[in-house]
Protein backbone atom coordinates (compact mmCIF):
# COMPACT_ATOMS: atom_id res chain seq x y z
CA GLN A 1 8.73 34.07 90.89
CA VAL A 2 7.16 36.94 89.13
CA GLN A 3 5.59 36.74 85.66
CA LEU A 4 5.22 40.00 83.63
CA VAL A 5 3.02 40.30 80.52
CA GLU A 6 2.95 43.46 78.26
CA SER A 7 0.22 44.42 75.95
CA GLY A 8 -1.02 47.26 73.91
CA GLY A 9 1.66 47.49 71.20
CA GLY A 10 0.90 48.20 67.64
CA LEU A 11 1.30 50.56 64.73
CA VAL A 12 0.78 54.12 65.01
CA GLN A 13 1.55 57.27 62.89
CA PRO A 14 4.09 59.97 63.99
CA GLY A 15 2.58 62.33 66.45
CA GLY A 16 0.09 59.61 67.64
CA SER A 17 -0.45 58.01 70.93
CA LEU A 18 -0.36 54.48 72.30
CA ARG A 19 -0.90 53.05 75.81
CA LEU A 20 1.13 49.98 76.98
CA SER A 21 0.13 47.70 79.95
CA CYS A 22 2.22 45.49 82.07
CA ALA A 23 0.46 43.02 84.30
CA ALA A 24 2.37 41.22 87.11
CA SER A 25 1.60 38.02 88.90
CA GLY A 26 3.22 35.75 91.35
CA SER A 27 5.34 36.89 94.29
CA ILE A 28 4.96 40.58 94.07
CA SER A 29 5.83 41.54 97.72
CA SER A 30 9.48 42.18 97.01
CA ILE A 31 9.02 44.47 94.02
CA ASN A 32 9.80 48.06 94.84
CA ALA A 33 9.54 49.64 91.33
CA MET A 34 8.38 48.66 87.81
CA GLY A 35 10.37 49.83 84.90
CA TRP A 36 9.82 50.10 81.11
CA PHE A 37 12.71 49.55 78.69
CA ARG A 38 12.89 49.37 74.93
CA GLN A 39 15.24 47.83 72.17
CA ALA A 40 15.17 49.02 68.71
CA PRO A 41 16.54 46.80 65.85
CA GLY A 42 20.31 46.91 65.80
CA LYS A 43 20.52 48.83 68.98
CA GLU A 44 21.03 48.17 72.68
CA ARG A 45 18.35 48.12 75.22
CA GLU A 46 17.74 51.45 76.91
CA PHE A 47 15.95 52.54 79.98
CA VAL A 48 12.68 54.41 79.50
CA GLY A 49 11.28 55.09 82.92
CA ARG A 50 10.10 53.68 86.11
CA ILE A 51 7.59 54.05 88.92
CA THR A 52 7.96 53.19 92.54
CA TRP A 53 5.25 50.94 94.15
CA SER A 54 5.12 52.78 97.54
CA GLY A 55 5.05 56.41 96.42
CA GLY A 56 4.34 56.32 92.76
CA GLU A 57 7.42 58.27 92.06
CA THR A 58 8.36 58.42 88.41
CA ALA A 59 11.55 58.93 86.54
CA TYR A 60 12.06 59.17 82.87
CA ALA A 61 14.83 59.07 80.17
CA ASP A 62 15.55 62.51 78.70
CA SER A 63 14.52 61.13 75.29
CA VAL A 64 10.98 60.62 76.41
CA LYS A 65 10.40 63.10 79.12
CA GLY A 66 7.49 65.17 78.57
CA ARG A 67 5.95 62.78 76.06
CA PHE A 68 5.74 59.49 78.00
CA THR A 69 3.82 59.01 81.35
CA ILE A 70 4.09 55.97 83.67
CA SER A 71 1.27 55.11 86.05
CA GLY A 72 0.27 52.17 88.11
CA ASP A 73 -2.64 50.33 89.64
CA ASN A 74 -1.18 48.51 92.66
CA ALA A 75 -4.44 46.77 93.40
CA LYS A 76 -4.32 45.26 90.00
CA ASN A 77 -0.47 44.82 89.98
CA THR A 78 -0.42 46.63 86.66
CA VAL A 79 1.64 49.54 85.36
CA PHE A 80 0.88 51.64 82.20
CA LEU A 81 3.13 53.51 79.77
CA GLN A 82 1.22 56.25 78.04
CA MET A 83 3.18 57.45 74.91
CA ASN A 84 2.16 60.71 73.39
CA SER A 85 3.66 62.59 70.44
CA LEU A 86 5.45 59.47 69.14
CA LYS A 87 8.37 59.66 66.79
CA PRO A 88 9.73 57.11 64.30
CA GLU A 89 12.83 56.79 66.57
CA ASP A 90 10.48 55.40 69.38
CA THR A 91 9.93 52.26 67.23
CA ALA A 92 11.11 49.31 69.38
CA VAL A 93 10.18 46.33 71.49
CA TYR A 94 8.86 47.67 74.76
CA SER A 95 9.48 45.50 77.98
CA CYS A 96 8.46 45.91 81.46
CA ALA A 97 10.74 44.79 84.43
CA ALA A 98 10.26 44.43 88.14
CA ARG A 99 12.92 45.94 90.37
CA ILE A 100 14.05 44.10 93.46
CA GLY A 101 16.42 46.15 95.44
CA ILE A 102 18.33 48.26 92.77
CA MET A 103 18.19 45.56 90.15
CA TYR A 104 15.56 44.60 87.73
CA HIS A 105 15.15 40.80 88.16
CA TYR A 106 12.03 39.88 86.15
CA TRP A 107 11.30 40.78 82.62
CA GLY A 108 8.36 40.47 80.26
CA LYS A 109 8.75 39.13 76.79
CA GLY A 110 7.91 42.64 75.24
CA THR A 111 5.47 44.16 72.87
CA GLN A 112 6.11 45.71 69.48
CA VAL A 113 5.63 49.54 68.99
CA THR A 114 6.06 50.86 65.50
CA VAL A 115 5.72 54.45 64.69
CA SER A 116 5.58 54.96 60.93
CA SER A 117 3.73 57.19 58.29
């Protein structure tokens, strides 16, 4: 079992920045990547980005590329989502997930990010 806990959400003005954290615990040996997803009210959950454990390789959705950065601290089993130049449309519940093979099997409960002036 893997437990994931997100933190760092909050209210920020358009153009501002926010840094989210995701701490993993439990059986982490089978995790090959950690991903970030988000879900806005009335919308489907969408992929934000991910980072691989071994090589630290990142990938991002086009909607956030150039504004968001994912990093990780393997020793602490923690990943981060640095969000810059935030827009109102970035408002959503952000969740982290642990990928086993090609599927994300474990999910955190999410943290709210609200971008508003």
